[in-house]
Amino acid sequence: MARTVEFEQPRARGLGVIRELFRAMRPKDWIKNVFVFAAIAFSEQKLWLNFPSSVAIVAMAFVLFCMVAGSIYLINDLVDIEKDRAHPKKRNRPLASGRLSPLVAKVAAVVFLGTAIPAAFALDAISVPWTVEQVPWQQVDFGLALVSYVLIQGIFYSYYLKHVVLLDVFTIAAGFVLRAVAGAMVLDIHITEWLLICMGLLSLFLGFAKRRAELVLLEGGAGEHRRILQEYSLPMLDQMLSIITGAIIIAYTFFTTNDNLPETESDFPLMLATAPIVTYALFRYLYLIYQKDGGGNPAEIVLGDRPFTISLLLWGLISLALLTFGS
């Protein structure tokens, strides 16, 4: 039986409610939504350079994903409120600690979802004008992608799939891939299969790293916090991380060199130069997992570990230069 906190912290009042609600929506984790920009960044037409308005459209899609993600975090915390009180870190979250009223969280989740989903369908109409040749479903593809994300992450994962071994991590990974697909759909552009494979593998890497961090942190009490953790073990997760690390490096190499990709065949042949940076970033992440017991929250590593942050920035700057001027 999960133990609860010894005492609840005082309920927030006034502006404190807004502050605690914002914290409960985990704005630091919204950095994951940058996957929405993947399609435009690697678009064959160099849309970010030739059509600056397309960047604004994807930025609006990013904002809508942040609203939806924050709502899903609220739903997750409402579902797991008692279990979170048995966790040494999660017990300090606004809902688990009692600082935020569950009623406020429920209302906020409904309001943000009720705003973001209609706005997504409206964004479809703005980004891809109606023409005689287009069929109706092509005009609502981003809206459908966002609804799919809500159903998968907010309903299926929160209430069922998070309790199914392996599928819990695969569902999280599907959310990352769906972000990238949605970013392509909002502009009606092609996204390469190898890019999706890279993102899917990277998402699995982050998901299994998170499960490992939870096992290390909770030790023998992992099952009390989340029953699914009893289905995992450190040797099992270590082997999966090793396999996925190698697969990411191979997939990224194929993504930058495969002759079947128009983006890399002639326009961006020098992208292979970024492979060593990607490899270093992966190894740095593994170092933080095994030597510093990190990996529980990718956003904390991205924003908190200077060498890892520098490697990401360096990869971004070099990639931007190659994608802009390379030919």
C-alpha atoms as a PDB file:
ATOM      1  CA  MET A   1       0.000   0.000   0.000  1.00  0.00           C
ATOM      2  CA  ALA A   2       1.441   3.384  -1.014  1.00  0.00           C
ATOM      3  CA  ARG A   3       2.252   5.648   1.878  1.00  0.00           C
ATOM      4  CA  THR A   4       1.007   9.227   1.819  1.00  0.00           C
ATOM      5  CA  VAL A   5       2.693  12.433   2.850  1.00  0.00           C
ATOM      6  CA  GLU A   6       2.764  13.049   6.585  1.00  0.00           C
ATOM      7  CA  PHE A   7       1.099  16.429   6.128  1.00  0.00           C
ATOM      8  CA  GLU A   8      -0.281  18.492   3.319  1.00  0.00           C
ATOM      9  CA  GLN A   9       1.267  21.847   2.566  1.00  0.00           C
ATOM     10  CA  PRO A  10      -0.953  24.936   2.754  1.00  0.00           C
ATOM     11  CA  ARG A  11      -3.316  25.389  -0.192  1.00  0.00           C
ATOM     12  CA  ALA A  12      -2.215  28.200  -2.516  1.00  0.00           C
ATOM     13  CA  ARG A  13      -4.357  31.336  -2.641  1.00  0.00           C
ATOM     14  CA  GLY A  14      -4.726  34.250  -5.051  1.00  0.00           C
ATOM     15  CA  LEU A  15      -1.862  34.589  -7.506  1.00  0.00           C
ATOM     16  CA  GLY A  16      -0.257  31.603  -5.834  1.00  0.00           C
ATOM     17  CA  VAL A  17      -2.863  29.396  -7.509  1.00  0.00           C
ATOM     18  CA  ILE A  18      -1.698  30.558 -10.946  1.00  0.00           C
ATOM     19  CA  ARG A  19       1.933  29.980  -9.980  1.00  0.00           C
ATOM     20  CA  GLU A  20       1.251  26.454  -8.714  1.00  0.00           C
ATOM     21  CA  LEU A  21      -0.888  25.658 -11.754  1.00  0.00           C
ATOM     22  CA  PHE A  22       1.928  26.778 -14.041  1.00  0.00           C
ATOM     23  CA  ARG A  23       4.376  24.598 -12.109  1.00  0.00           C
ATOM     24  CA  ALA A  24       2.012  21.619 -12.354  1.00  0.00           C
ATOM     25  CA  MET A  25       1.988  22.025 -16.139  1.00  0.00           C
ATOM     26  CA  ARG A  26       5.808  21.527 -16.084  1.00  0.00           C
ATOM     27  CA  PRO A  27       6.972  24.284 -18.434  1.00  0.00           C
ATOM     28  CA  LYS A  28      10.549  22.947 -18.357  1.00  0.00           C
ATOM     29  CA  ASP A  29       9.331  19.783 -20.076  1.00  0.00           C
ATOM     30  CA  TRP A  30       7.815  21.780 -22.928  1.00  0.00           C
ATOM     31  CA  ILE A  31      11.276  21.756 -24.486  1.00  0.00           C
ATOM     32  CA  LYS A  32      10.312  18.309 -25.810  1.00  0.00           C
ATOM     33  CA  ASN A  33       7.924  20.030 -28.191  1.00  0.00           C
ATOM     34  CA  VAL A  34      10.825  21.364 -30.280  1.00  0.00           C
ATOM     35  CA  PHE A  35      10.394  18.116 -32.240  1.00  0.00           C
ATOM     36  CA  VAL A  36       7.607  20.019 -34.014  1.00  0.00           C
ATOM     37  CA  PHE A  37      10.302  22.059 -35.797  1.00  0.00           C
ATOM     38  CA  ALA A  38      12.094  18.992 -37.205  1.00  0.00           C
ATOM     39  CA  ALA A  39      10.226  18.882 -40.507  1.00  0.00           C
ATOM     40  CA  ILE A  40      10.735  22.536 -41.380  1.00  0.00           C
ATOM     41  CA  ALA A  41      14.391  22.422 -40.299  1.00  0.00           C
ATOM     42  CA  PHE A  42      15.159  19.586 -42.712  1.00  0.00           C
ATOM     43  CA  SER A  43      12.690  20.539 -45.446  1.00  0.00           C
ATOM     44  CA  GLU A  44      14.022  20.197 -48.981  1.00  0.00           C
ATOM     45  CA  GLN A  45      12.562  23.571 -49.913  1.00  0.00           C
ATOM     46  CA  LYS A  46      14.416  25.343 -47.054  1.00  0.00           C
ATOM     47  CA  LEU A  47      11.110  26.817 -45.948  1.00  0.00           C
ATOM     48  CA  TRP A  48      12.600  28.547 -42.898  1.00  0.00           C
ATOM     49  CA  LEU A  49      14.792  30.560 -45.268  1.00  0.00           C
ATOM     50  CA  ASN A  50      12.554  31.096 -48.302  1.00  0.00           C
ATOM     51  CA  PHE A  51       9.213  31.440 -46.517  1.00  0.00           C
ATOM     52  CA  PRO A  52       9.684  33.054 -43.071  1.00  0.00           C
ATOM     53  CA  SER A  53       5.932  32.966 -42.452  1.00  0.00           C
ATOM     54  CA  SER A  54       6.141  29.169 -42.300  1.00  0.00           C
ATOM     55  CA  VAL A  55       8.283  29.503 -39.160  1.00  0.00           C
ATOM     56  CA  ALA A  56       5.508  31.513 -37.513  1.00  0.00           C
ATOM     57  CA  ILE A  57       2.997  28.791 -38.381  1.00  0.00           C
ATOM     58  CA  VAL A  58       5.168  26.071 -36.828  1.00  0.00           C
ATOM     59  CA  ALA A  59       5.757  28.313 -33.800  1.00  0.00           C
ATOM     60  CA  MET A  60       1.981  28.487 -33.316  1.00  0.00           C
ATOM     61  CA  ALA A  61       1.849  24.694 -33.574  1.00  0.00           C
ATOM     62  CA  PHE A  62       4.567  24.558 -30.904  1.00  0.00           C
ATOM     63  CA  VAL A  63       2.479  26.762 -28.589  1.00  0.00           C
ATOM     64  CA  LEU A  64      -0.589  24.558 -29.077  1.00  0.00           C
ATOM     65  CA  PHE A  65       1.455  21.447 -28.250  1.00  0.00           C
ATOM     66  CA  CYS A  66       2.696  23.170 -25.093  1.00  0.00           C
ATOM     67  CA  MET A  67      -0.890  23.887 -24.046  1.00  0.00           C
ATOM     68  CA  VAL A  68      -1.909  20.295 -24.711  1.00  0.00           C
ATOM     69  CA  ALA A  69       1.192  18.853 -23.026  1.00  0.00           C
ATOM     70  CA  GLY A  70       0.574  20.966 -19.925  1.00  0.00           C
ATOM     71  CA  SER A  71      -3.017  19.722 -19.790  1.00  0.00           C
ATOM     72  CA  ILE A  72      -1.880  16.102 -20.099  1.00  0.00           C
ATOM     73  CA  TYR A  73       0.605  16.606 -17.256  1.00  0.00           C
ATOM     74  CA  LEU A  74      -2.297  17.826 -15.137  1.00  0.00           C
ATOM     75  CA  ILE A  75      -4.327  14.746 -16.060  1.00  0.00           C
ATOM     76  CA  ASN A  76      -1.396  12.459 -15.246  1.00  0.00           C
ATOM     77  CA  ASP A  77      -0.858  14.085 -11.869  1.00  0.00           C
ATOM     78  CA  LEU A  78      -4.572  13.854 -11.063  1.00  0.00           C
ATOM     79  CA  VAL A  79      -4.576  10.142 -11.873  1.00  0.00           C
ATOM     80  CA  ASP A  80      -1.351   9.462  -9.926  1.00  0.00           C
ATOM     81  CA  ILE A  81      -1.874  11.878  -7.044  1.00  0.00           C
ATOM     82  CA  GLU A  82      -1.761   9.192  -4.325  1.00  0.00           C
ATOM     83  CA  LYS A  83       1.145   7.310  -5.920  1.00  0.00           C
ATOM     84  CA  ASP A  84       3.118  10.537  -6.298  1.00  0.00           C
ATOM     85  CA  ARG A  85       2.838  11.058  -2.540  1.00  0.00           C
ATOM     86  CA  ALA A  86       4.909   7.900  -2.094  1.00  0.00           C
ATOM     87  CA  HIS A  87       7.682   9.268  -4.331  1.00  0.00           C
ATOM     88  CA  PRO A  88      10.577  11.195  -2.716  1.00  0.00           C
ATOM     89  CA  LYS A  89      10.548  13.877  -5.430  1.00  0.00           C
ATOM     90  CA  LYS A  90       7.077  13.801  -6.943  1.00  0.00           C
ATOM     91  CA  ARG A  91       5.479  14.238  -3.524  1.00  0.00           C
ATOM     92  CA  ASN A  92       6.505  17.908  -3.778  1.00  0.00           C
ATOM     93  CA  ARG A  93       4.503  18.501  -6.956  1.00  0.00           C
ATOM     94  CA  PRO A  94       1.650  21.022  -6.560  1.00  0.00           C
ATOM     95  CA  LEU A  95      -1.151  18.444  -6.655  1.00  0.00           C
ATOM     96  CA  ALA A  96       0.538  15.729  -4.601  1.00  0.00           C
ATOM     97  CA  SER A  97       1.625  18.213  -1.938  1.00  0.00           C
ATOM     98  CA  GLY A  98      -1.840  19.741  -1.661  1.00  0.00           C
ATOM     99  CA  ARG A  99      -0.789  23.251  -2.712  1.00  0.00           C
ATOM    100  CA  LEU A 100      -2.996  23.054  -5.814  1.00  0.00           C
ATOM    101  CA  SER A 101      -6.648  22.063  -5.671  1.00  0.00           C
ATOM    102  CA  PRO A 102      -7.589  19.076  -7.896  1.00  0.00           C
ATOM    103  CA  LEU A 103     -10.676  21.019  -8.985  1.00  0.00           C
ATOM    104  CA  VAL A 104      -8.526  23.862 -10.296  1.00  0.00           C
ATOM    105  CA  ALA A 105      -6.359  21.361 -12.199  1.00  0.00           C
ATOM    106  CA  LYS A 106      -9.413  19.678 -13.744  1.00  0.00           C
ATOM    107  CA  VAL A 107     -10.925  22.965 -14.880  1.00  0.00           C
ATOM    108  CA  ALA A 108      -7.593  24.177 -16.289  1.00  0.00           C
ATOM    109  CA  ALA A 109      -7.040  20.933 -18.223  1.00  0.00           C
ATOM    110  CA  VAL A 110     -10.492  21.191 -19.808  1.00  0.00           C
ATOM    111  CA  VAL A 111     -10.043  24.877 -20.653  1.00  0.00           C
ATOM    112  CA  PHE A 112      -6.613  24.453 -22.252  1.00  0.00           C
ATOM    113  CA  LEU A 113      -7.667  21.381 -24.227  1.00  0.00           C
ATOM    114  CA  GLY A 114     -10.900  23.078 -25.242  1.00  0.00           C
ATOM    115  CA  THR A 115      -8.883  26.027 -26.538  1.00  0.00           C
ATOM    116  CA  ALA A 116      -5.961  24.224 -28.178  1.00  0.00           C
ATOM    117  CA  ILE A 117      -7.884  21.647 -30.198  1.00  0.00           C
ATOM    118  CA  PRO A 118     -10.200  24.088 -32.038  1.00  0.00           C
ATOM    119  CA  ALA A 119      -7.210  26.396 -32.561  1.00  0.00           C
ATOM    120  CA  ALA A 120      -5.332  23.493 -34.204  1.00  0.00           C
ATOM    121  CA  PHE A 121      -8.097  23.017 -36.777  1.00  0.00           C
ATOM    122  CA  ALA A 122      -8.164  26.766 -37.347  1.00  0.00           C
ATOM    123  CA  LEU A 123      -4.394  26.718 -37.925  1.00  0.00           C
ATOM    124  CA  ASP A 124      -4.909  24.085 -40.618  1.00  0.00           C
ATOM    125  CA  ALA A 125      -7.170  26.472 -42.491  1.00  0.00           C
ATOM    126  CA  ILE A 126      -4.602  29.263 -42.229  1.00  0.00           C
ATOM    127  CA  SER A 127      -1.515  27.240 -43.164  1.00  0.00           C
ATOM    128  CA  VAL A 128      -2.892  25.297 -46.135  1.00  0.00           C
ATOM    129  CA  PRO A 129      -5.533  27.266 -48.118  1.00  0.00           C
ATOM    130  CA  TRP A 130      -8.505  25.432 -49.558  1.00  0.00           C
ATOM    131  CA  THR A 131      -8.171  24.500 -53.234  1.00  0.00           C
ATOM    132  CA  VAL A 132     -10.298  22.525 -55.669  1.00  0.00           C
ATOM    133  CA  GLU A 133      -7.761  19.689 -55.774  1.00  0.00           C
ATOM    134  CA  GLN A 134      -7.569  19.151 -52.021  1.00  0.00           C
ATOM    135  CA  VAL A 135      -9.920  16.857 -50.149  1.00  0.00           C
ATOM    136  CA  PRO A 136     -11.379  17.823 -46.749  1.00  0.00           C
ATOM    137  CA  TRP A 137      -9.250  15.540 -44.596  1.00  0.00           C
ATOM    138  CA  GLN A 138      -6.092  17.207 -45.925  1.00  0.00           C
ATOM    139  CA  GLN A 139      -7.288  20.464 -44.383  1.00  0.00           C
ATOM    140  CA  VAL A 140      -7.521  19.121 -40.831  1.00  0.00           C
ATOM    141  CA  ASP A 141      -4.450  16.895 -40.663  1.00  0.00           C
ATOM    142  CA  PHE A 142      -2.648  18.942 -37.981  1.00  0.00           C
ATOM    143  CA  GLY A 143      -5.828  19.119 -35.929  1.00  0.00           C
ATOM    144  CA  LEU A 144      -6.242  15.351 -36.219  1.00  0.00           C
ATOM    145  CA  ALA A 145      -2.597  14.865 -35.228  1.00  0.00           C
ATOM    146  CA  LEU A 146      -3.104  16.958 -32.097  1.00  0.00           C
ATOM    147  CA  VAL A 147      -6.296  15.074 -31.217  1.00  0.00           C
ATOM    148  CA  SER A 148      -4.422  11.785 -31.711  1.00  0.00           C
ATOM    149  CA  TYR A 149      -1.709  13.021 -29.366  1.00  0.00           C
ATOM    150  CA  VAL A 150      -4.312  13.867 -26.715  1.00  0.00           C
ATOM    151  CA  LEU A 151      -5.979  10.458 -27.041  1.00  0.00           C
ATOM    152  CA  ILE A 152      -2.717   8.505 -26.947  1.00  0.00           C
ATOM    153  CA  GLN A 153      -0.958  10.428 -24.181  1.00  0.00           C
ATOM    154  CA  GLY A 154      -3.855  11.823 -22.185  1.00  0.00           C
ATOM    155  CA  ILE A 155      -6.265   8.880 -22.290  1.00  0.00           C
ATOM    156  CA  PHE A 156      -4.674   5.591 -23.399  1.00  0.00           C
ATOM    157  CA  TYR A 157      -1.342   6.199 -21.659  1.00  0.00           C
ATOM    158  CA  SER A 158      -2.628   7.869 -18.490  1.00  0.00           C
ATOM    159  CA  TYR A 159      -5.283   5.260 -17.791  1.00  0.00           C
ATOM    160  CA  TYR A 160      -3.960   2.041 -19.330  1.00  0.00           C
ATOM    161  CA  LEU A 161      -0.752   1.843 -21.353  1.00  0.00           C
ATOM    162  CA  LYS A 162       1.424   3.244 -18.565  1.00  0.00           C
ATOM    163  CA  HIS A 163       0.724  -0.032 -16.748  1.00  0.00           C
ATOM    164  CA  VAL A 164       1.828  -2.312 -19.622  1.00  0.00           C
ATOM    165  CA  VAL A 165       5.512  -3.238 -19.666  1.00  0.00           C
ATOM    166  CA  LEU A 166       7.465  -1.963 -22.706  1.00  0.00           C
ATOM    167  CA  LEU A 167       4.338  -0.473 -24.261  1.00  0.00           C
ATOM    168  CA  ASP A 168       4.530   2.300 -21.662  1.00  0.00           C
ATOM    169  CA  VAL A 169       7.872   3.463 -23.083  1.00  0.00           C
ATOM    170  CA  PHE A 170       6.835   2.859 -26.697  1.00  0.00           C
ATOM    171  CA  THR A 171       3.772   5.043 -26.121  1.00  0.00           C
ATOM    172  CA  ILE A 172       5.959   7.870 -24.838  1.00  0.00           C
ATOM    173  CA  ALA A 173       8.188   7.475 -27.898  1.00  0.00           C
ATOM    174  CA  ALA A 174       5.135   7.600 -30.164  1.00  0.00           C
ATOM    175  CA  GLY A 175       4.312  10.992 -28.685  1.00  0.00           C
ATOM    176  CA  PHE A 176       7.694  12.384 -29.778  1.00  0.00           C
ATOM    177  CA  VAL A 177       7.325  11.005 -33.300  1.00  0.00           C
ATOM    178  CA  LEU A 178       3.784  12.373 -33.508  1.00  0.00           C
ATOM    179  CA  ARG A 179       5.123  15.839 -32.681  1.00  0.00           C
ATOM    180  CA  ALA A 180       7.465  15.670 -35.662  1.00  0.00           C
ATOM    181  CA  VAL A 181       4.721  14.350 -37.942  1.00  0.00           C
ATOM    182  CA  ALA A 182       2.391  17.128 -36.798  1.00  0.00           C
ATOM    183  CA  GLY A 183       5.070  19.712 -37.593  1.00  0.00           C
ATOM    184  CA  ALA A 184       5.165  18.377 -41.151  1.00  0.00           C
ATOM    185  CA  MET A 185       1.389  18.194 -41.437  1.00  0.00           C
ATOM    186  CA  VAL A 186       0.822  21.803 -40.442  1.00  0.00           C
ATOM    187  CA  LEU A 187       2.825  22.875 -43.508  1.00  0.00           C
ATOM    188  CA  ASP A 188       1.831  19.922 -45.704  1.00  0.00           C
ATOM    189  CA  ILE A 189       5.477  18.990 -46.343  1.00  0.00           C
ATOM    190  CA  HIS A 190       7.316  15.684 -46.544  1.00  0.00           C
ATOM    191  CA  ILE A 191       9.297  14.307 -43.613  1.00  0.00           C
ATOM    192  CA  THR A 192      11.847  11.592 -44.297  1.00  0.00           C
ATOM    193  CA  GLU A 193      11.480   8.111 -42.879  1.00  0.00           C
ATOM    194  CA  TRP A 194      15.022   8.100 -41.490  1.00  0.00           C
ATOM    195  CA  LEU A 195      14.366  11.276 -39.532  1.00  0.00           C
ATOM    196  CA  LEU A 196      11.316   9.655 -37.964  1.00  0.00           C
ATOM    197  CA  ILE A 197      13.348   6.536 -37.164  1.00  0.00           C
ATOM    198  CA  CYS A 198      16.042   8.657 -35.487  1.00  0.00           C
ATOM    199  CA  MET A 199      13.428  10.446 -33.385  1.00  0.00           C
ATOM    200  CA  GLY A 200      11.677   7.220 -32.466  1.00  0.00           C
ATOM    201  CA  LEU A 201      14.911   5.594 -31.325  1.00  0.00           C
ATOM    202  CA  LEU A 202      15.963   8.716 -29.417  1.00  0.00           C
ATOM    203  CA  SER A 203      12.583   8.755 -27.674  1.00  0.00           C
ATOM    204  CA  LEU A 204      12.960   5.111 -26.670  1.00  0.00           C
ATOM    205  CA  PHE A 205      16.433   5.930 -25.349  1.00  0.00           C
ATOM    206  CA  LEU A 206      15.047   8.737 -23.173  1.00  0.00           C
ATOM    207  CA  GLY A 207      12.123   6.604 -22.022  1.00  0.00           C
ATOM    208  CA  PHE A 208      14.206   3.635 -20.891  1.00  0.00           C
ATOM    209  CA  ALA A 209      16.711   6.006 -19.282  1.00  0.00           C
ATOM    210  CA  LYS A 210      13.848   7.485 -17.276  1.00  0.00           C
ATOM    211  CA  ARG A 211      12.691   4.051 -16.149  1.00  0.00           C
ATOM    212  CA  ARG A 212      16.240   3.234 -15.036  1.00  0.00           C
ATOM    213  CA  ALA A 213      16.510   6.479 -13.081  1.00  0.00           C
ATOM    214  CA  GLU A 214      13.230   5.680 -11.315  1.00  0.00           C
ATOM    215  CA  LEU A 215      14.468   2.227 -10.314  1.00  0.00           C
ATOM    216  CA  VAL A 216      17.710   3.665  -8.933  1.00  0.00           C
ATOM    217  CA  LEU A 217      15.960   6.448  -7.039  1.00  0.00           C
ATOM    218  CA  LEU A 218      13.196   4.346  -5.506  1.00  0.00           C
ATOM    219  CA  GLU A 219      15.277   1.205  -4.965  1.00  0.00           C
ATOM    220  CA  GLY A 220      13.139  -1.419  -3.205  1.00  0.00           C
ATOM    221  CA  GLY A 221      10.074   0.833  -3.084  1.00  0.00           C
ATOM    222  CA  ALA A 222       9.706   1.183  -6.854  1.00  0.00           C
ATOM    223  CA  GLY A 223       6.651  -1.061  -6.929  1.00  0.00           C
ATOM    224  CA  GLU A 224       4.900   1.036  -4.296  1.00  0.00           C
ATOM    225  CA  HIS A 225       5.114   4.128  -6.465  1.00  0.00           C
ATOM    226  CA  ARG A 226       4.346   2.482  -9.806  1.00  0.00           C
ATOM    227  CA  ARG A 227       3.553  -1.209 -10.157  1.00  0.00           C
ATOM    228  CA  ILE A 228       4.930  -1.396 -13.705  1.00  0.00           C
ATOM    229  CA  LEU A 229       8.442  -0.713 -12.387  1.00  0.00           C
ATOM    230  CA  GLN A 230       8.433  -4.208 -10.908  1.00  0.00           C
ATOM    231  CA  GLU A 231       8.505  -5.533 -14.484  1.00  0.00           C
ATOM    232  CA  TYR A 232      11.848  -3.836 -15.172  1.00  0.00           C
ATOM    233  CA  SER A 233      15.326  -4.498 -13.866  1.00  0.00           C
ATOM    234  CA  LEU A 234      18.595  -2.614 -14.143  1.00  0.00           C
ATOM    235  CA  PRO A 235      20.362  -5.303 -16.268  1.00  0.00           C
ATOM    236  CA  MET A 236      17.383  -5.393 -18.644  1.00  0.00           C
ATOM    237  CA  LEU A 237      17.286  -1.617 -19.048  1.00  0.00           C
ATOM    238  CA  ASP A 238      21.085  -1.398 -19.395  1.00  0.00           C
ATOM    239  CA  GLN A 239      21.014  -3.843 -22.282  1.00  0.00           C
ATOM    240  CA  MET A 240      18.182  -1.987 -23.989  1.00  0.00           C
ATOM    241  CA  LEU A 241      20.026   1.313 -23.651  1.00  0.00           C
ATOM    242  CA  SER A 242      23.146  -0.224 -25.186  1.00  0.00           C
ATOM    243  CA  ILE A 243      21.207  -1.588 -28.159  1.00  0.00           C
ATOM    244  CA  ILE A 244      19.324   1.652 -28.764  1.00  0.00           C
ATOM    245  CA  THR A 245      22.479   3.789 -28.484  1.00  0.00           C
ATOM    246  CA  GLY A 246      24.125   1.857 -31.304  1.00  0.00           C
ATOM    247  CA  ALA A 247      20.923   1.939 -33.352  1.00  0.00           C
ATOM    248  CA  ILE A 248      20.663   5.743 -33.011  1.00  0.00           C
ATOM    249  CA  ILE A 249      24.203   6.278 -34.277  1.00  0.00           C
ATOM    250  CA  ILE A 250      23.613   3.979 -37.260  1.00  0.00           C
ATOM    251  CA  ALA A 251      20.228   5.516 -38.067  1.00  0.00           C
ATOM    252  CA  TYR A 252      21.590   9.059 -37.869  1.00  0.00           C
ATOM    253  CA  THR A 253      24.465   8.119 -40.183  1.00  0.00           C
ATOM    254  CA  PHE A 254      21.973   6.725 -42.698  1.00  0.00           C
ATOM    255  CA  PHE A 255      19.832   9.843 -42.332  1.00  0.00           C
ATOM    256  CA  THR A 256      22.749  12.085 -43.310  1.00  0.00           C
ATOM    257  CA  THR A 257      24.126   9.924 -46.132  1.00  0.00           C
ATOM    258  CA  ASN A 258      21.322   7.849 -47.672  1.00  0.00           C
ATOM    259  CA  ASP A 259      21.103   8.524 -51.406  1.00  0.00           C
ATOM    260  CA  ASN A 260      17.347   8.006 -51.336  1.00  0.00           C
ATOM    261  CA  LEU A 261      16.895  11.191 -49.335  1.00  0.00           C
ATOM    262  CA  PRO A 262      16.687  14.298 -51.511  1.00  0.00           C
ATOM    263  CA  GLU A 263      17.714  16.393 -48.510  1.00  0.00           C
ATOM    264  CA  THR A 264      21.088  14.655 -48.224  1.00  0.00           C
ATOM    265  CA  GLU A 265      21.756  13.580 -51.793  1.00  0.00           C
ATOM    266  CA  SER A 266      22.772  16.988 -53.101  1.00  0.00           C
ATOM    267  CA  ASP A 267      21.613  19.821 -50.864  1.00  0.00           C
ATOM    268  CA  PHE A 268      23.194  18.886 -47.522  1.00  0.00           C
ATOM    269  CA  PRO A 269      26.038  16.394 -48.079  1.00  0.00           C
ATOM    270  CA  LEU A 270      28.088  17.731 -45.170  1.00  0.00           C
ATOM    271  CA  MET A 271      25.537  16.834 -42.477  1.00  0.00           C
ATOM    272  CA  LEU A 272      27.591  13.714 -41.783  1.00  0.00           C
ATOM    273  CA  ALA A 273      30.041  16.056 -40.053  1.00  0.00           C
ATOM    274  CA  THR A 274      27.550  16.393 -37.211  1.00  0.00           C
ATOM    275  CA  ALA A 275      27.578  12.645 -36.452  1.00  0.00           C
ATOM    276  CA  PRO A 276      30.515  12.908 -33.983  1.00  0.00           C
ATOM    277  CA  ILE A 277      28.616  15.587 -32.045  1.00  0.00           C
ATOM    278  CA  VAL A 278      25.524  13.382 -31.855  1.00  0.00           C
ATOM    279  CA  THR A 279      27.671  10.477 -30.691  1.00  0.00           C
ATOM    280  CA  TYR A 280      29.310  12.615 -27.994  1.00  0.00           C
ATOM    281  CA  ALA A 281      25.905  13.852 -26.772  1.00  0.00           C
ATOM    282  CA  LEU A 282      24.651  10.268 -26.467  1.00  0.00           C
ATOM    283  CA  PHE A 283      27.763   9.178 -24.577  1.00  0.00           C
ATOM    284  CA  ARG A 284      27.531  12.218 -22.319  1.00  0.00           C
ATOM    285  CA  TYR A 285      23.927  11.304 -21.528  1.00  0.00           C
ATOM    286  CA  LEU A 286      25.018   7.748 -20.717  1.00  0.00           C
ATOM    287  CA  TYR A 287      27.733   9.145 -18.459  1.00  0.00           C
ATOM    288  CA  LEU A 288      25.143  11.186 -16.582  1.00  0.00           C
ATOM    289  CA  ILE A 289      22.903   8.120 -16.282  1.00  0.00           C
ATOM    290  CA  TYR A 290      25.520   5.708 -14.961  1.00  0.00           C
ATOM    291  CA  GLN A 291      27.890   8.000 -13.074  1.00  0.00           C
ATOM    292  CA  LYS A 292      25.557  10.742 -11.825  1.00  0.00           C
ATOM    293  CA  ASP A 293      22.272   8.790 -11.529  1.00  0.00           C
ATOM    294  CA  GLY A 294      20.605  11.144 -13.998  1.00  0.00           C
ATOM    295  CA  GLY A 295      18.105  10.492 -16.754  1.00  0.00           C
ATOM    296  CA  GLY A 296      14.937  10.886 -14.712  1.00  0.00           C
ATOM    297  CA  ASN A 297      14.046  14.144 -16.431  1.00  0.00           C
ATOM    298  CA  PRO A 298      15.606  14.871 -19.844  1.00  0.00           C
ATOM    299  CA  ALA A 299      14.756  18.569 -19.521  1.00  0.00           C
ATOM    300  CA  GLU A 300      16.922  18.846 -16.402  1.00  0.00           C
ATOM    301  CA  ILE A 301      19.900  17.398 -18.283  1.00  0.00           C
ATOM    302  CA  VAL A 302      19.338  19.575 -21.358  1.00  0.00           C
ATOM    303  CA  LEU A 303      19.102  22.717 -19.241  1.00  0.00           C
ATOM    304  CA  GLY A 304      21.396  21.742 -16.385  1.00  0.00           C
ATOM    305  CA  ASP A 305      24.457  19.917 -17.750  1.00  0.00           C
ATOM    306  CA  ARG A 306      26.777  22.408 -19.429  1.00  0.00           C
ATOM    307  CA  PRO A 307      28.778  19.996 -21.662  1.00  0.00           C
ATOM    308  CA  PHE A 308      25.568  18.361 -22.890  1.00  0.00           C
ATOM    309  CA  THR A 309      23.909  21.740 -23.497  1.00  0.00           C
ATOM    310  CA  ILE A 310      26.964  23.010 -25.393  1.00  0.00           C
ATOM    311  CA  SER A 311      26.992  19.896 -27.581  1.00  0.00           C
ATOM    312  CA  LEU A 312      23.325  20.433 -28.479  1.00  0.00           C
ATOM    313  CA  LEU A 313      23.894  24.095 -29.279  1.00  0.00           C
ATOM    314  CA  LEU A 314      26.958  23.238 -31.358  1.00  0.00           C
ATOM    315  CA  TRP A 315      24.986  20.606 -33.267  1.00  0.00           C
ATOM    316  CA  GLY A 316      22.190  23.110 -33.877  1.00  0.00           C
ATOM    317  CA  LEU A 317      24.484  25.878 -35.095  1.00  0.00           C
ATOM    318  CA  ILE A 318      26.506  23.624 -37.405  1.00  0.00           C
ATOM    319  CA  SER A 319      23.367  21.965 -38.765  1.00  0.00           C
ATOM    320  CA  LEU A 320      21.746  25.341 -39.400  1.00  0.00           C
ATOM    321  CA  ALA A 321      24.837  26.556 -41.244  1.00  0.00           C
ATOM    322  CA  LEU A 322      25.072  23.398 -43.350  1.00  0.00           C
ATOM    323  CA  LEU A 323      21.349  23.346 -44.131  1.00  0.00           C
ATOM    324  CA  THR A 324      21.435  27.024 -45.091  1.00  0.00           C
ATOM    325  CA  PHE A 325      24.662  27.319 -47.070  1.00  0.00           C
ATOM    326  CA  GLY A 326      25.662  23.714 -47.836  1.00  0.00           C
ATOM    327  CA  SER A 327      25.104  22.494 -51.385  1.00  0.00           C
END
